[in-house]
PDB file of N, CA and C in Angstrom:
ATOM      1  N   MET A   1       0.830  -1.174   0.000  1.00  0.00           N
ATOM      2  CA  MET A   1       0.000   0.000   0.000  1.00  0.00           C
ATOM      3  C   MET A   1       0.874   1.236   0.000  1.00  0.00           C
ATOM      4  N   ALA A   2       0.336   2.282  -0.541  1.00  0.00           N
ATOM      5  CA  ALA A   2       1.036   3.555  -0.546  1.00  0.00           C
ATOM      6  C   ALA A   2       0.022   4.679  -0.424  1.00  0.00           C
ATOM      7  N   SER A   3       0.468   5.789   0.122  1.00  0.00           N
ATOM      8  CA  SER A   3      -0.392   6.954   0.246  1.00  0.00           C
ATOM      9  C   SER A   3       0.468   8.196   0.122  1.00  0.00           C
ATOM     10  N   GLN A   4      -0.026   9.173  -0.614  1.00  0.00           N
ATOM     11  CA  GLN A   4       0.689  10.427  -0.764  1.00  0.00           C
ATOM     12  C   GLN A   4      -0.252  11.558  -0.419  1.00  0.00           C
ATOM     13  N   GLU A   5       0.123  12.363   0.512  1.00  0.00           N
ATOM     14  CA  GLU A   5      -0.674  13.512   0.935  1.00  0.00           C
ATOM     15  C   GLU A   5       0.265  14.666   1.261  1.00  0.00           C
ATOM     16  N   LYS A   6      -0.310  15.786   1.629  1.00  0.00           N
ATOM     17  CA  LYS A   6       0.496  16.961   1.961  1.00  0.00           C
ATOM     18  C   LYS A   6       1.157  16.840   3.330  1.00  0.00           C
ATOM     19  N   THR A   7       0.554  16.077   4.245  1.00  0.00           N
ATOM     20  CA  THR A   7       1.153  15.896   5.570  1.00  0.00           C
ATOM     21  C   THR A   7       1.269  14.404   5.886  1.00  0.00           C
ATOM     22  N   ILE A   8       2.172  14.089   6.789  1.00  0.00           N
ATOM     23  CA  ILE A   8       2.340  12.696   7.228  1.00  0.00           C
ATOM     24  C   ILE A   8       1.056  12.202   7.877  1.00  0.00           C
ATOM     25  N   GLU A   9       0.416  13.058   8.657  1.00  0.00           N
ATOM     26  CA  GLU A   9      -0.816  12.664   9.342  1.00  0.00           C
ATOM     27  C   GLU A   9      -1.905  12.275   8.341  1.00  0.00           C
ATOM     28  N   GLU A  10      -2.043  13.032   7.254  1.00  0.00           N
ATOM     29  CA  GLU A  10      -3.037  12.699   6.237  1.00  0.00           C
ATOM     30  C   GLU A  10      -2.707  11.377   5.556  1.00  0.00           C
ATOM     31  N   ALA A  11      -1.422  11.150   5.280  1.00  0.00           N
ATOM     32  CA  ALA A  11      -1.010   9.897   4.647  1.00  0.00           C
ATOM     33  C   ALA A  11      -1.282   8.715   5.571  1.00  0.00           C
ATOM     34  N   ILE A  12      -0.983   8.865   6.853  1.00  0.00           N
ATOM     35  CA  ILE A  12      -1.231   7.791   7.822  1.00  0.00           C
ATOM     36  C   ILE A  12      -2.723   7.506   7.919  1.00  0.00           C
ATOM     37  N   ASN A  13      -3.553   8.550   7.949  1.00  0.00           N
ATOM     38  CA  ASN A  13      -4.999   8.345   8.013  1.00  0.00           C
ATOM     39  C   ASN A  13      -5.506   7.607   6.784  1.00  0.00           C
ATOM     40  N   ASN A  14      -4.967   7.950   5.601  1.00  0.00           N
ATOM     41  CA  ASN A  14      -5.364   7.240   4.379  1.00  0.00           C
ATOM     42  C   ASN A  14      -4.960   5.773   4.441  1.00  0.00           C
ATOM     43  N   LEU A  15      -3.763   5.502   4.931  1.00  0.00           N
ATOM     44  CA  LEU A  15      -3.309   4.117   5.051  1.00  0.00           C
ATOM     45  C   LEU A  15      -4.164   3.347   6.062  1.00  0.00           C
ATOM     46  N   ARG A  16      -4.498   3.985   7.180  1.00  0.00           N
ATOM     47  CA  ARG A  16      -5.343   3.343   8.191  1.00  0.00           C
ATOM     48  C   ARG A  16      -6.691   2.964   7.585  1.00  0.00           C
ATOM     49  N   GLU A  17      -7.291   3.887   6.834  1.00  0.00           N
ATOM     50  CA  GLU A  17      -8.579   3.613   6.196  1.00  0.00           C
ATOM     51  C   GLU A  17      -8.461   2.473   5.183  1.00  0.00           C
ATOM     52  N   ALA A  18      -7.365   2.450   4.418  1.00  0.00           N
ATOM     53  CA  ALA A  18      -7.166   1.387   3.436  1.00  0.00           C
ATOM     54  C   ALA A  18      -7.050   0.030   4.112  1.00  0.00           C
ATOM     55  N   VAL A  19      -6.330  -0.045   5.235  1.00  0.00           N
ATOM     56  CA  VAL A  19      -6.191  -1.310   5.963  1.00  0.00           C
ATOM     57  C   VAL A  19      -7.535  -1.747   6.522  1.00  0.00           C
ATOM     58  N   GLU A  20      -8.286  -0.797   7.086  1.00  0.00           N
ATOM     59  CA  GLU A  20      -9.601  -1.142   7.630  1.00  0.00           C
ATOM     60  C   GLU A  20     -10.523  -1.683   6.537  1.00  0.00           C
ATOM     61  N   LEU A  21     -10.514  -1.060   5.370  1.00  0.00           N
ATOM     62  CA  LEU A  21     -11.335  -1.554   4.266  1.00  0.00           C
ATOM     63  C   LEU A  21     -10.877  -2.933   3.814  1.00  0.00           C
ATOM     64  N   TYR A  22      -9.568  -3.142   3.767  1.00  0.00           N
ATOM     65  CA  TYR A  22      -9.021  -4.447   3.388  1.00  0.00           C
ATOM     66  C   TYR A  22      -9.464  -5.528   4.368  1.00  0.00           C
ATOM     67  N   LEU A  23      -9.432  -5.213   5.654  1.00  0.00           N
ATOM     68  CA  LEU A  23      -9.787  -6.199   6.674  1.00  0.00           C
ATOM     69  C   LEU A  23     -11.283  -6.492   6.719  1.00  0.00           C
ATOM     70  N   GLU A  24     -12.103  -5.654   6.093  1.00  0.00           N
ATOM     71  CA  GLU A  24     -13.538  -5.927   6.029  1.00  0.00           C
ATOM     72  C   GLU A  24     -13.849  -7.125   5.138  1.00  0.00           C
ATOM     73  N   ASP A  25     -12.933  -7.468   4.243  1.00  0.00           N
ATOM     74  CA  ASP A  25     -13.113  -8.617   3.351  1.00  0.00           C
ATOM     75  C   ASP A  25     -13.170  -9.894   4.184  1.00  0.00           C
ATOM     76  N   GLU A  26     -14.223 -10.657   4.043  1.00  0.00           N
ATOM     77  CA  GLU A  26     -14.407 -11.870   4.851  1.00  0.00           C
ATOM     78  C   GLU A  26     -13.360 -12.942   4.553  1.00  0.00           C
ATOM     79  N   ASP A  27     -12.747 -12.912   3.380  1.00  0.00           N
ATOM     80  CA  ASP A  27     -11.778 -13.937   2.995  1.00  0.00           C
ATOM     81  C   ASP A  27     -10.346 -13.599   3.391  1.00  0.00           C
ATOM     82  N   VAL A  28     -10.117 -12.416   3.917  1.00  0.00           N
ATOM     83  CA  VAL A  28      -8.752 -12.014   4.262  1.00  0.00           C
ATOM     84  C   VAL A  28      -8.238 -12.857   5.430  1.00  0.00           C
ATOM     85  N   GLN A  29      -6.974 -13.257   5.345  1.00  0.00           N
ATOM     86  CA  GLN A  29      -6.349 -14.017   6.420  1.00  0.00           C
ATOM     87  C   GLN A  29      -5.287 -13.138   7.081  1.00  0.00           C
ATOM     88  N   ILE A  30      -5.487 -12.849   8.354  1.00  0.00           N
ATOM     89  CA  ILE A  30      -4.551 -12.013   9.096  1.00  0.00           C
ATOM     90  C   ILE A  30      -3.393 -12.896   9.567  1.00  0.00           C
ATOM     91  N   PRO A  31      -2.140 -12.482   9.300  1.00  0.00           N
ATOM     92  CA  PRO A  31      -1.000 -13.306   9.698  1.00  0.00           C
ATOM     93  C   PRO A  31      -0.886 -13.429  11.214  1.00  0.00           C
ATOM     94  N   ALA A  32      -0.256 -14.497  11.652  1.00  0.00           N
ATOM     95  CA  ALA A  32      -0.011 -14.702  13.082  1.00  0.00           C
ATOM     96  C   ALA A  32       0.887 -13.586  13.600  1.00  0.00           C
ATOM     97  N   ALA A  33       0.777 -13.280  14.871  1.00  0.00           N
ATOM     98  CA  ALA A  33       1.532 -12.166  15.461  1.00  0.00           C
ATOM     99  C   ALA A  33       3.038 -12.298  15.239  1.00  0.00           C
ATOM    100  N   GLY A  34       3.566 -13.496  15.206  1.00  0.00           N
ATOM    101  CA  GLY A  34       4.999 -13.690  15.033  1.00  0.00           C
ATOM    102  C   GLY A  34       5.485 -13.412  13.626  1.00  0.00           C
ATOM    103  N   SER A  35       4.584 -13.282  12.659  1.00  0.00           N
ATOM    104  CA  SER A  35       5.011 -13.098  11.282  1.00  0.00           C
ATOM    105  C   SER A  35       4.897 -11.651  10.799  1.00  0.00           C
ATOM    106  N   ILE A  36       4.627 -10.733  11.704  1.00  0.00           N
ATOM    107  CA  ILE A  36       4.505  -9.335  11.330  1.00  0.00           C
ATOM    108  C   ILE A  36       5.878  -8.674  11.375  1.00  0.00           C
ATOM    109  N   LEU A  37       6.199  -7.938  10.325  1.00  0.00           N
ATOM    110  CA  LEU A  37       7.472  -7.237  10.230  1.00  0.00           C
ATOM    111  C   LEU A  37       7.238  -5.754  10.404  1.00  0.00           C
ATOM    112  N   THR A  38       7.976  -5.161  11.305  1.00  0.00           N
ATOM    113  CA  THR A  38       7.931  -3.718  11.504  1.00  0.00           C
ATOM    114  C   THR A  38       9.323  -3.175  11.230  1.00  0.00           C
ATOM    115  N   THR A  39       9.384  -2.099  10.474  1.00  0.00           N
ATOM    116  CA  THR A  39      10.682  -1.524  10.141  1.00  0.00           C
ATOM    117  C   THR A  39      10.567  -0.018  10.033  1.00  0.00           C
ATOM    118  N   THR A  40      11.677   0.653   9.936  1.00  0.00           N
ATOM    119  CA  THR A  40      11.711   2.086   9.712  1.00  0.00           C
ATOM    120  C   THR A  40      12.503   2.353   8.442  1.00  0.00           C
ATOM    121  N   ILE A  41      12.197   3.461   7.809  1.00  0.00           N
ATOM    122  CA  ILE A  41      12.935   3.861   6.618  1.00  0.00           C
ATOM    123  C   ILE A  41      13.320   5.323   6.742  1.00  0.00           C
ATOM    124  N   GLU A  42      14.347   5.701   6.031  1.00  0.00           N
ATOM    125  CA  GLU A  42      14.758   7.099   5.983  1.00  0.00           C
ATOM    126  C   GLU A  42      14.423   7.633   4.599  1.00  0.00           C
ATOM    127  N   VAL A  43      13.819   8.800   4.552  1.00  0.00           N
ATOM    128  CA  VAL A  43      13.457   9.394   3.268  1.00  0.00           C
ATOM    129  C   VAL A  43      14.070  10.781   3.152  1.00  0.00           C
ATOM    130  N   SER A  44      14.309  11.180   1.922  1.00  0.00           N
ATOM    131  CA  SER A  44      14.860  12.500   1.650  1.00  0.00           C
ATOM    132  C   SER A  44      13.725  13.499   1.525  1.00  0.00           C
ATOM    133  N   ASN A  45      13.926  14.694   2.020  1.00  0.00           N
ATOM    134  CA  ASN A  45      12.937  15.750   1.884  1.00  0.00           C
ATOM    135  C   ASN A  45      13.423  16.789   0.869  1.00  0.00           C
ATOM    136  N   ASP A  46      14.396  16.409   0.060  1.00  0.00           N
ATOM    137  CA  ASP A  46      14.973  17.305  -0.936  1.00  0.00           C
ATOM    138  C   ASP A  46      14.120  17.258  -2.193  1.00  0.00           C
ATOM    139  N   LYS A  47      13.198  18.199  -2.337  1.00  0.00           N
ATOM    140  CA  LYS A  47      12.275  18.195  -3.474  1.00  0.00           C
ATOM    141  C   LYS A  47      12.992  18.364  -4.797  1.00  0.00           C
ATOM    142  N   ALA A  48      14.106  19.070  -4.832  1.00  0.00           N
ATOM    143  CA  ALA A  48      14.835  19.276  -6.071  1.00  0.00           C
ATOM    144  C   ALA A  48      15.342  17.960  -6.650  1.00  0.00           C
ATOM    145  N   SER A  49      15.760  17.031  -5.789  1.00  0.00           N
ATOM    146  CA  SER A  49      16.273  15.751  -6.287  1.00  0.00           C
ATOM    147  C   SER A  49      15.176  14.924  -6.932  1.00  0.00           C
ATOM    148  N   HIS A  50      13.929  15.095  -6.506  1.00  0.00           N
ATOM    149  CA  HIS A  50      12.810  14.355  -7.074  1.00  0.00           C
ATOM    150  C   HIS A  50      12.283  14.990  -8.356  1.00  0.00           C
ATOM    151  N   MET A  51      12.678  16.247  -8.593  1.00  0.00           N
ATOM    152  CA  MET A  51      12.198  16.947  -9.768  1.00  0.00           C
ATOM    153  C   MET A  51      13.232  16.941 -10.896  1.00  0.00           C
ATOM    154  N   GLY A  52      14.351  16.245 -10.680  1.00  0.00           N
ATOM    155  CA  GLY A  52      15.385  16.167 -11.698  1.00  0.00           C
ATOM    156  C   GLY A  52      16.182  17.435 -11.847  1.00  0.00           C
ATOM    157  N   LEU A  53      16.203  18.263 -10.817  1.00  0.00           N
ATOM    158  CA  LEU A  53      16.944  19.522 -10.885  1.00  0.00           C
ATOM    159  C   LEU A  53      18.348  19.367 -10.358  1.00  0.00           C
TER     160      LEU A  53
END
């Protein structure tokens, strides 16, 4: 899943809503607690590098 918004809070809210909608599917299988991966990533906030400048 991915979400792009003007603020991190808006992106997180969109992702939360997407997960909730996904979990409403009766056929979805939620993984066991031991199989969940949590990680962190570092992102650049340099807009010029994303615009090819």
